[in-house]
All heavy atoms as atom14 arrays in JSON, in Angstrom:
{
  "sequence": "FAAAFNVVDSFDTHANIPAHFDAVDAAAKKSGKVAIISVGW",
  "atom14_mask": [
    [1, 1, 1, 1, 1, 1, 1, 1, 1, 1, 1, 0, 0, 0],
    [1, 1, 1, 1, 1, 0, 0, 0, 0, 0, 0, 0, 0, 0],
    [1, 1, 1, 1, 1, 0, 0, 0, 0, 0, 0, 0, 0, 0],
    [1, 1, 1, 1, 1, 0, 0, 0, 0, 0, 0, 0, 0, 0],
    [1, 1, 1, 1, 1, 1, 1, 1, 1, 1, 1, 0, 0, 0],
    [1, 1, 1, 1, 1, 1, 1, 1, 0, 0, 0, 0, 0, 0],
    [1, 1, 1, 1, 1, 1, 1, 0, 0, 0, 0, 0, 0, 0],
    [1, 1, 1, 1, 1, 1, 1, 0, 0, 0, 0, 0, 0, 0],
    [1, 1, 1, 1, 1, 1, 1, 1, 0, 0, 0, 0, 0, 0],
    [1, 1, 1, 1, 1, 1, 0, 0, 0, 0, 0, 0, 0, 0],
    [1, 1, 1, 1, 1, 1, 1, 1, 1, 1, 1, 0, 0, 0],
    [1, 1, 1, 1, 1, 1, 1, 1, 0, 0, 0, 0, 0, 0],
    [1, 1, 1, 1, 1, 1, 1, 0, 0, 0, 0, 0, 0, 0],
    [1, 1, 1, 1, 1, 1, 1, 1, 1, 1, 0, 0, 0, 0],
    [1, 1, 1, 1, 1, 0, 0, 0, 0, 0, 0, 0, 0, 0],
    [1, 1, 1, 1, 1, 1, 1, 1, 0, 0, 0, 0, 0, 0],
    [1, 1, 1, 1, 1, 1, 1, 1, 0, 0, 0, 0, 0, 0],
    [1, 1, 1, 1, 1, 1, 1, 0, 0, 0, 0, 0, 0, 0],
    [1, 1, 1, 1, 1, 0, 0, 0, 0, 0, 0, 0, 0, 0],
    [1, 1, 1, 1, 1, 1, 1, 1, 1, 1, 0, 0, 0, 0],
    [1, 1, 1, 1, 1, 1, 1, 1, 1, 1, 1, 0, 0, 0],
    [1, 1, 1, 1, 1, 1, 1, 1, 0, 0, 0, 0, 0, 0],
    [1, 1, 1, 1, 1, 0, 0, 0, 0, 0, 0, 0, 0, 0],
    [1, 1, 1, 1, 1, 1, 1, 0, 0, 0, 0, 0, 0, 0],
    [1, 1, 1, 1, 1, 1, 1, 1, 0, 0, 0, 0, 0, 0],
    [1, 1, 1, 1, 1, 0, 0, 0, 0, 0, 0, 0, 0, 0],
    [1, 1, 1, 1, 1, 0, 0, 0, 0, 0, 0, 0, 0, 0],
    [1, 1, 1, 1, 1, 0, 0, 0, 0, 0, 0, 0, 0, 0],
    [1, 1, 1, 1, 1, 1, 1, 1, 1, 0, 0, 0, 0, 0],
    [1, 1, 1, 1, 1, 1, 1, 1, 1, 0, 0, 0, 0, 0],
    [1, 1, 1, 1, 1, 1, 0, 0, 0, 0, 0, 0, 0, 0],
    [1, 1, 1, 1, 0, 0, 0, 0, 0, 0, 0, 0, 0, 0],
    [1, 1, 1, 1, 1, 1, 1, 1, 1, 0, 0, 0, 0, 0],
    [1, 1, 1, 1, 1, 1, 1, 0, 0, 0, 0, 0, 0, 0],
    [1, 1, 1, 1, 1, 0, 0, 0, 0, 0, 0, 0, 0, 0],
    [1, 1, 1, 1, 1, 1, 1, 1, 0, 0, 0, 0, 0, 0],
    [1, 1, 1, 1, 1, 1, 1, 1, 0, 0, 0, 0, 0, 0],
    [1, 1, 1, 1, 1, 1, 0, 0, 0, 0, 0, 0, 0, 0],
    [1, 1, 1, 1, 1, 1, 1, 0, 0, 0, 0, 0, 0, 0],
    [1, 1, 1, 1, 0, 0, 0, 0, 0, 0, 0, 0, 0, 0],
    [1, 1, 1, 1, 1, 1, 1, 1, 1, 1, 1, 1, 1, 1]
  ],
  "atom14_positions": [
    [[34.93, -18.27, 1.18], [33.78, -17.37, 1.1], [33.09, -17.43, -0.26], [31.91, -17.12, -0.37], [34.19, -15.94, 1.48], [34.31, -15.77, 2.96], [35.49, -16.08, 3.61], [33.23, -15.33, 3.71], [35.59, -15.96, 4.99], [33.32, -15.2, 5.09], [34.51, -15.52, 5.74], [0.0, 0.0, 0.0], [0.0, 0.0, 0.0], [0.0, 0.0, 0.0]],
    [[33.82, -17.85, -1.31], [33.18, -18.05, -2.62], [32.19, -19.21, -2.58], [31.36, -19.35, -3.47], [34.24, -18.3, -3.68], [0.0, 0.0, 0.0], [0.0, 0.0, 0.0], [0.0, 0.0, 0.0], [0.0, 0.0, 0.0], [0.0, 0.0, 0.0], [0.0, 0.0, 0.0], [0.0, 0.0, 0.0], [0.0, 0.0, 0.0], [0.0, 0.0, 0.0]],
    [[32.26, -20.02, -1.53], [31.3, -21.11, -1.37], [29.94, -20.59, -0.91], [28.95, -21.34, -0.96], [31.83, -22.13, -0.36], [0.0, 0.0, 0.0], [0.0, 0.0, 0.0], [0.0, 0.0, 0.0], [0.0, 0.0, 0.0], [0.0, 0.0, 0.0], [0.0, 0.0, 0.0], [0.0, 0.0, 0.0], [0.0, 0.0, 0.0], [0.0, 0.0, 0.0]],
    [[29.87, -19.31, -0.49], [28.6, -18.77, 0.0], [28.24, -17.42, -0.59], [27.07, -17.03, -0.57], [28.66, -18.65, 1.54], [0.0, 0.0, 0.0], [0.0, 0.0, 0.0], [0.0, 0.0, 0.0], [0.0, 0.0, 0.0], [0.0, 0.0, 0.0], [0.0, 0.0, 0.0], [0.0, 0.0, 0.0], [0.0, 0.0, 0.0], [0.0, 0.0, 0.0]],
    [[29.22, -16.67, -1.1], [29.0, -15.29, -1.55], [29.6, -15.07, -2.94], [30.57, -15.75, -3.32], [29.68, -14.29, -0.61], [29.22, -14.32, 0.81], [29.88, -15.11, 1.75], [28.15, -13.55, 1.24], [29.48, -15.13, 3.08], [27.75, -13.56, 2.56], [28.41, -14.35, 3.49], [0.0, 0.0, 0.0], [0.0, 0.0, 0.0], [0.0, 0.0, 0.0]],
    [[29.1, -14.05, -3.65], [29.89, -13.42, -4.7], [31.02, -12.68, -3.98], [30.77, -11.97, -3.0], [29.06, -12.43, -5.5], [27.92, -13.08, -6.24], [28.09, -14.09, -6.91], [26.72, -12.51, -6.11], [0.0, 0.0, 0.0], [0.0, 0.0, 0.0], [0.0, 0.0, 0.0], [0.0, 0.0, 0.0], [0.0, 0.0, 0.0], [0.0, 0.0, 0.0]],
    [[32.26, -12.83, -4.46], [33.39, -12.22, -3.74], [34.32, -11.5, -4.71], [34.37, -11.8, -5.91], [34.21, -13.27, -2.95], [33.37, -13.92, -1.87], [34.82, -14.32, -3.88], [0.0, 0.0, 0.0], [0.0, 0.0, 0.0], [0.0, 0.0, 0.0], [0.0, 0.0, 0.0], [0.0, 0.0, 0.0], [0.0, 0.0, 0.0], [0.0, 0.0, 0.0]],
    [[35.06, -10.54, -4.15], [36.13, -9.84, -4.87], [37.33, -9.77, -3.93], [37.17, -9.43, -2.74], [35.71, -8.42, -5.29], [36.81, -7.75, -6.09], [34.43, -8.44, -6.1], [0.0, 0.0, 0.0], [0.0, 0.0, 0.0], [0.0, 0.0, 0.0], [0.0, 0.0, 0.0], [0.0, 0.0, 0.0], [0.0, 0.0, 0.0], [0.0, 0.0, 0.0]],
    [[38.53, -10.09, -4.44], [39.72, -9.95, -3.61], [40.81, -9.19, -4.36], [40.68, -8.9, -5.55], [40.21, -11.29, -3.06], [41.05, -12.13, -4.05], [41.51, -11.61, -5.08], [41.24, -13.34, -3.77], [0.0, 0.0, 0.0], [0.0, 0.0, 0.0], [0.0, 0.0, 0.0], [0.0, 0.0, 0.0], [0.0, 0.0, 0.0], [0.0, 0.0, 0.0]],
    [[41.89, -8.87, -3.63], [43.02, -8.13, -4.22], [44.3, -8.96, -4.13], [45.38, -8.41, -3.9], [43.2, -6.77, -3.53], [43.48, -6.96, -2.15], [0.0, 0.0, 0.0], [0.0, 0.0, 0.0], [0.0, 0.0, 0.0], [0.0, 0.0, 0.0], [0.0, 0.0, 0.0], [0.0, 0.0, 0.0], [0.0, 0.0, 0.0], [0.0, 0.0, 0.0]],
    [[44.18, -10.26, -4.32], [45.33, -11.15, -4.24], [46.43, -10.67, -5.19], [46.21, -10.54, -6.4], [44.9, -12.58, -4.6], [45.99, -13.6, -4.45], [46.3, -14.11, -3.21], [46.7, -14.06, -5.55], [47.3, -15.07, -3.05], [47.7, -15.01, -5.42], [48.01, -15.52, -4.16], [0.0, 0.0, 0.0], [0.0, 0.0, 0.0], [0.0, 0.0, 0.0]],
    [[47.63, -10.41, -4.67], [48.64, -9.75, -5.5], [49.98, -10.46, -5.55], [50.99, -9.87, -5.95], [48.83, -8.29, -5.05], [49.43, -8.16, -3.66], [49.66, -9.19, -2.99], [49.68, -7.01, -3.22], [0.0, 0.0, 0.0], [0.0, 0.0, 0.0], [0.0, 0.0, 0.0], [0.0, 0.0, 0.0], [0.0, 0.0, 0.0], [0.0, 0.0, 0.0]],
    [[50.03, -11.74, -5.17], [51.26, -12.51, -5.34], [51.25, -13.07, -6.76], [50.67, -14.12, -7.03], [51.36, -13.64, -4.3], [51.18, -13.09, -3.0], [52.72, -14.32, -4.38], [0.0, 0.0, 0.0], [0.0, 0.0, 0.0], [0.0, 0.0, 0.0], [0.0, 0.0, 0.0], [0.0, 0.0, 0.0], [0.0, 0.0, 0.0], [0.0, 0.0, 0.0]],
    [[51.87, -12.34, -7.7], [51.73, -12.63, -9.13], [52.01, -14.1, -9.47], [51.26, -14.71, -10.23], [52.66, -11.72, -9.94], [52.24, -10.29, -9.97], [51.5, -9.74, -10.99], [52.44, -9.28, -9.08], [51.27, -8.46, -10.74], [51.83, -8.16, -9.59], [0.0, 0.0, 0.0], [0.0, 0.0, 0.0], [0.0, 0.0, 0.0], [0.0, 0.0, 0.0]],
    [[53.07, -14.65, -8.9], [53.47, -16.01, -9.26], [52.44, -17.05, -8.85], [52.37, -18.14, -9.44], [54.82, -16.33, -8.63], [0.0, 0.0, 0.0], [0.0, 0.0, 0.0], [0.0, 0.0, 0.0], [0.0, 0.0, 0.0], [0.0, 0.0, 0.0], [0.0, 0.0, 0.0], [0.0, 0.0, 0.0], [0.0, 0.0, 0.0], [0.0, 0.0, 0.0]],
    [[51.63, -16.73, -7.84], [50.68, -17.72, -7.32], [49.25, -17.5, -7.83], [48.33, -18.22, -7.42], [50.67, -17.68, -5.79], [52.0, -18.11, -5.2], [52.79, -18.78, -5.87], [52.27, -17.73, -3.96], [0.0, 0.0, 0.0], [0.0, 0.0, 0.0], [0.0, 0.0, 0.0], [0.0, 0.0, 0.0], [0.0, 0.0, 0.0], [0.0, 0.0, 0.0]],
    [[49.06, -16.55, -8.74], [47.7, -16.27, -9.23], [47.08, -17.49, -9.93], [45.91, -17.8, -9.69], [47.69, -15.02, -10.14], [47.88, -13.75, -9.28], [46.39, -14.93, -10.94], [48.03, -12.47, -10.09], [0.0, 0.0, 0.0], [0.0, 0.0, 0.0], [0.0, 0.0, 0.0], [0.0, 0.0, 0.0], [0.0, 0.0, 0.0], [0.0, 0.0, 0.0]],
    [[47.79, -18.23, -10.78], [47.15, -19.38, -11.44], [46.59, -20.41, -10.45], [45.48, -20.9, -10.62], [48.27, -19.96, -12.3], [49.14, -18.77, -12.62], [49.14, -17.97, -11.36], [0.0, 0.0, 0.0], [0.0, 0.0, 0.0], [0.0, 0.0, 0.0], [0.0, 0.0, 0.0], [0.0, 0.0, 0.0], [0.0, 0.0, 0.0], [0.0, 0.0, 0.0]],
    [[47.36, -20.73, -9.41], [46.89, -21.71, -8.42], [45.73, -21.15, -7.62], [44.76, -21.87, -7.31], [48.05, -22.1, -7.49], [0.0, 0.0, 0.0], [0.0, 0.0, 0.0], [0.0, 0.0, 0.0], [0.0, 0.0, 0.0], [0.0, 0.0, 0.0], [0.0, 0.0, 0.0], [0.0, 0.0, 0.0], [0.0, 0.0, 0.0], [0.0, 0.0, 0.0]],
    [[45.8, -19.86, -7.28], [44.7, -19.22, -6.55], [43.43, -19.23, -7.39], [42.34, -19.54, -6.9], [45.11, -17.79, -6.19], [44.14, -17.05, -5.32], [43.75, -17.51, -4.09], [43.48, -15.86, -5.52], [42.89, -16.65, -3.56], [42.72, -15.65, -4.41], [0.0, 0.0, 0.0], [0.0, 0.0, 0.0], [0.0, 0.0, 0.0], [0.0, 0.0, 0.0]],
    [[43.57, -18.93, -8.67], [42.43, -18.95, -9.59], [41.76, -20.32, -9.58], [40.53, -20.43, -9.46], [42.88, -18.59, -11.01], [41.76, -18.59, -12.02], [41.11, -17.41, -12.34], [41.35, -19.76, -12.64], [40.07, -17.4, -13.26], [40.31, -19.77, -13.55], [39.68, -18.58, -13.87], [0.0, 0.0, 0.0], [0.0, 0.0, 0.0], [0.0, 0.0, 0.0]],
    [[42.54, -21.38, -9.69], [41.98, -22.73, -9.76], [41.2, -23.08, -8.5], [40.11, -23.66, -8.56], [43.09, -23.75, -10.0], [43.68, -23.66, -11.4], [43.04, -23.04, -12.28], [44.79, -24.19, -11.61], [0.0, 0.0, 0.0], [0.0, 0.0, 0.0], [0.0, 0.0, 0.0], [0.0, 0.0, 0.0], [0.0, 0.0, 0.0], [0.0, 0.0, 0.0]],
    [[41.76, -22.73, -7.34], [41.1, -23.05, -6.07], [39.79, -22.29, -5.93], [38.75, -22.85, -5.52], [42.03, -22.72, -4.9], [0.0, 0.0, 0.0], [0.0, 0.0, 0.0], [0.0, 0.0, 0.0], [0.0, 0.0, 0.0], [0.0, 0.0, 0.0], [0.0, 0.0, 0.0], [0.0, 0.0, 0.0], [0.0, 0.0, 0.0], [0.0, 0.0, 0.0]],
    [[39.81, -21.02, -6.29], [38.61, -20.18, -6.17], [37.57, -20.59, -7.21], [36.36, -20.63, -6.93], [38.97, -18.69, -6.31], [37.73, -17.82, -6.32], [39.92, -18.26, -5.19], [0.0, 0.0, 0.0], [0.0, 0.0, 0.0], [0.0, 0.0, 0.0], [0.0, 0.0, 0.0], [0.0, 0.0, 0.0], [0.0, 0.0, 0.0], [0.0, 0.0, 0.0]],
    [[38.02, -20.92, -8.42], [37.1, -21.31, -9.49], [36.29, -22.54, -9.1], [35.08, -22.61, -9.33], [37.9, -21.57, -10.76], [37.01, -21.7, -12.0], [36.1, -20.87, -12.17], [37.25, -22.63, -12.79], [0.0, 0.0, 0.0], [0.0, 0.0, 0.0], [0.0, 0.0, 0.0], [0.0, 0.0, 0.0], [0.0, 0.0, 0.0], [0.0, 0.0, 0.0]],
    [[36.95, -23.53, -8.5], [36.25, -24.75, -8.09], [35.16, -24.43, -7.06], [34.03, -24.95, -7.17], [37.25, -25.75, -7.51], [0.0, 0.0, 0.0], [0.0, 0.0, 0.0], [0.0, 0.0, 0.0], [0.0, 0.0, 0.0], [0.0, 0.0, 0.0], [0.0, 0.0, 0.0], [0.0, 0.0, 0.0], [0.0, 0.0, 0.0], [0.0, 0.0, 0.0]],
    [[35.49, -23.58, -6.1], [34.51, -23.23, -5.05], [33.35, -22.43, -5.62], [32.18, -22.68, -5.28], [35.2, -22.44, -3.94], [0.0, 0.0, 0.0], [0.0, 0.0, 0.0], [0.0, 0.0, 0.0], [0.0, 0.0, 0.0], [0.0, 0.0, 0.0], [0.0, 0.0, 0.0], [0.0, 0.0, 0.0], [0.0, 0.0, 0.0], [0.0, 0.0, 0.0]],
    [[33.64, -21.46, -6.49], [32.59, -20.58, -7.02], [31.68, -21.32, -7.99], [30.46, -21.06, -8.04], [33.22, -19.36, -7.69], [0.0, 0.0, 0.0], [0.0, 0.0, 0.0], [0.0, 0.0, 0.0], [0.0, 0.0, 0.0], [0.0, 0.0, 0.0], [0.0, 0.0, 0.0], [0.0, 0.0, 0.0], [0.0, 0.0, 0.0], [0.0, 0.0, 0.0]],
    [[32.23, -22.23, -8.77], [31.38, -23.0, -9.68], [30.44, -23.92, -8.9], [29.28, -24.11, -9.27], [32.24, -23.81, -10.65], [32.79, -22.97, -11.79], [33.65, -23.76, -12.74], [34.07, -22.87, -13.92], [35.12, -23.53, -14.74], [0.0, 0.0, 0.0], [0.0, 0.0, 0.0], [0.0, 0.0, 0.0], [0.0, 0.0, 0.0], [0.0, 0.0, 0.0]],
    [[30.94, -24.49, -7.82], [30.12, -25.38, -7.0], [28.96, -24.64, -6.34], [27.85, -25.16, -6.24], [31.0, -26.04, -5.93], [30.3, -27.13, -5.14], [31.28, -27.83, -4.21], [30.58, -28.93, -3.43], [31.53, -29.62, -2.51], [0.0, 0.0, 0.0], [0.0, 0.0, 0.0], [0.0, 0.0, 0.0], [0.0, 0.0, 0.0], [0.0, 0.0, 0.0]],
    [[29.21, -23.38, -5.94], [28.17, -22.59, -5.24], [27.3, -21.79, -6.19], [26.27, -21.24, -5.78], [28.82, -21.63, -4.24], [29.62, -20.66, -4.91], [0.0, 0.0, 0.0], [0.0, 0.0, 0.0], [0.0, 0.0, 0.0], [0.0, 0.0, 0.0], [0.0, 0.0, 0.0], [0.0, 0.0, 0.0], [0.0, 0.0, 0.0], [0.0, 0.0, 0.0]],
    [[27.73, -21.69, -7.46], [26.98, -20.87, -8.42], [27.22, -19.38, -8.25], [26.43, -18.56, -8.74], [0.0, 0.0, 0.0], [0.0, 0.0, 0.0], [0.0, 0.0, 0.0], [0.0, 0.0, 0.0], [0.0, 0.0, 0.0], [0.0, 0.0, 0.0], [0.0, 0.0, 0.0], [0.0, 0.0, 0.0], [0.0, 0.0, 0.0], [0.0, 0.0, 0.0]],
    [[28.32, -19.02, -7.59], [28.64, -17.62, -7.35], [29.74, -17.13, -8.3], [30.41, -17.93, -8.95], [29.11, -17.42, -5.9], [28.06, -17.8, -4.85], [26.83, -16.9, -4.91], [25.85, -17.2, -3.8], [24.66, -16.31, -3.87], [0.0, 0.0, 0.0], [0.0, 0.0, 0.0], [0.0, 0.0, 0.0], [0.0, 0.0, 0.0], [0.0, 0.0, 0.0]],
    [[29.92, -15.8, -8.35], [31.0, -15.19, -9.13], [32.08, -14.7, -8.17], [31.78, -14.01, -7.19], [30.48, -14.02, -10.0], [31.64, -13.22, -10.58], [29.6, -14.54, -11.12], [0.0, 0.0, 0.0], [0.0, 0.0, 0.0], [0.0, 0.0, 0.0], [0.0, 0.0, 0.0], [0.0, 0.0, 0.0], [0.0, 0.0, 0.0], [0.0, 0.0, 0.0]],
    [[33.31, -15.04, -8.47], [34.46, -14.56, -7.7], [35.42, -13.86, -8.65], [35.78, -14.43, -9.69], [35.17, -15.73, -7.01], [0.0, 0.0, 0.0], [0.0, 0.0, 0.0], [0.0, 0.0, 0.0], [0.0, 0.0, 0.0], [0.0, 0.0, 0.0], [0.0, 0.0, 0.0], [0.0, 0.0, 0.0], [0.0, 0.0, 0.0], [0.0, 0.0, 0.0]],
    [[35.81, -12.64, -8.32], [36.78, -11.91, -9.14], [38.03, -11.7, -8.28], [37.95, -11.1, -7.2], [36.23, -10.56, -9.63], [34.85, -10.75, -10.29], [37.2, -9.94, -10.64], [34.21, -9.47, -10.78], [0.0, 0.0, 0.0], [0.0, 0.0, 0.0], [0.0, 0.0, 0.0], [0.0, 0.0, 0.0], [0.0, 0.0, 0.0], [0.0, 0.0, 0.0]],
    [[39.16, -12.22, -8.76], [40.39, -12.18, -7.96], [41.42, -11.21, -8.56], [41.31, -10.79, -9.7], [41.04, -13.58, -7.85], [41.5, -14.09, -9.22], [40.09, -14.57, -7.19], [42.51, -15.23, -9.16], [0.0, 0.0, 0.0], [0.0, 0.0, 0.0], [0.0, 0.0, 0.0], [0.0, 0.0, 0.0], [0.0, 0.0, 0.0], [0.0, 0.0, 0.0]],
    [[42.39, -10.86, -7.71], [43.55, -10.04, -8.13], [43.1, -8.7, -8.72], [43.57, -8.27, -9.77], [44.42, -10.83, -9.13], [44.89, -12.01, -8.53], [0.0, 0.0, 0.0], [0.0, 0.0, 0.0], [0.0, 0.0, 0.0], [0.0, 0.0, 0.0], [0.0, 0.0, 0.0], [0.0, 0.0, 0.0], [0.0, 0.0, 0.0], [0.0, 0.0, 0.0]],
    [[42.2, -8.05, -8.0], [41.65, -6.75, -8.4], [42.39, -5.65, -7.64], [42.56, -5.72, -6.43], [40.14, -6.7, -8.08], [39.59, -5.29, -8.28], [39.38, -7.7, -8.95], [0.0, 0.0, 0.0], [0.0, 0.0, 0.0], [0.0, 0.0, 0.0], [0.0, 0.0, 0.0], [0.0, 0.0, 0.0], [0.0, 0.0, 0.0], [0.0, 0.0, 0.0]],
    [[42.82, -4.63, -8.37], [43.53, -3.5, -7.76], [44.21, -2.75, -8.87], [43.67, -2.63, -9.96], [0.0, 0.0, 0.0], [0.0, 0.0, 0.0], [0.0, 0.0, 0.0], [0.0, 0.0, 0.0], [0.0, 0.0, 0.0], [0.0, 0.0, 0.0], [0.0, 0.0, 0.0], [0.0, 0.0, 0.0], [0.0, 0.0, 0.0], [0.0, 0.0, 0.0]],
    [[45.43, -2.26, -8.62], [46.11, -1.57, -9.72], [47.28, -2.36, -10.29], [47.57, -2.26, -11.47], [46.49, -0.13, -9.35], [47.33, 0.09, -8.16], [46.91, 0.18, -6.86], [48.75, 0.29, -8.14], [48.0, 0.41, -6.04], [49.13, 0.5, -6.8], [49.71, 0.34, -9.13], [50.44, 0.74, -6.42], [51.04, 0.58, -8.77], [51.38, 0.77, -7.42]]
  ]
}
């Protein structure tokens, strides 16, 4: 969805955040959108 929208998610598997960041970053940079991940408490 970062390929088409500005997005926000609440991804909370701490150990996998770096890999998730990299995957989302590539998609959002390609689309020119902003994606904010791992949002919550």
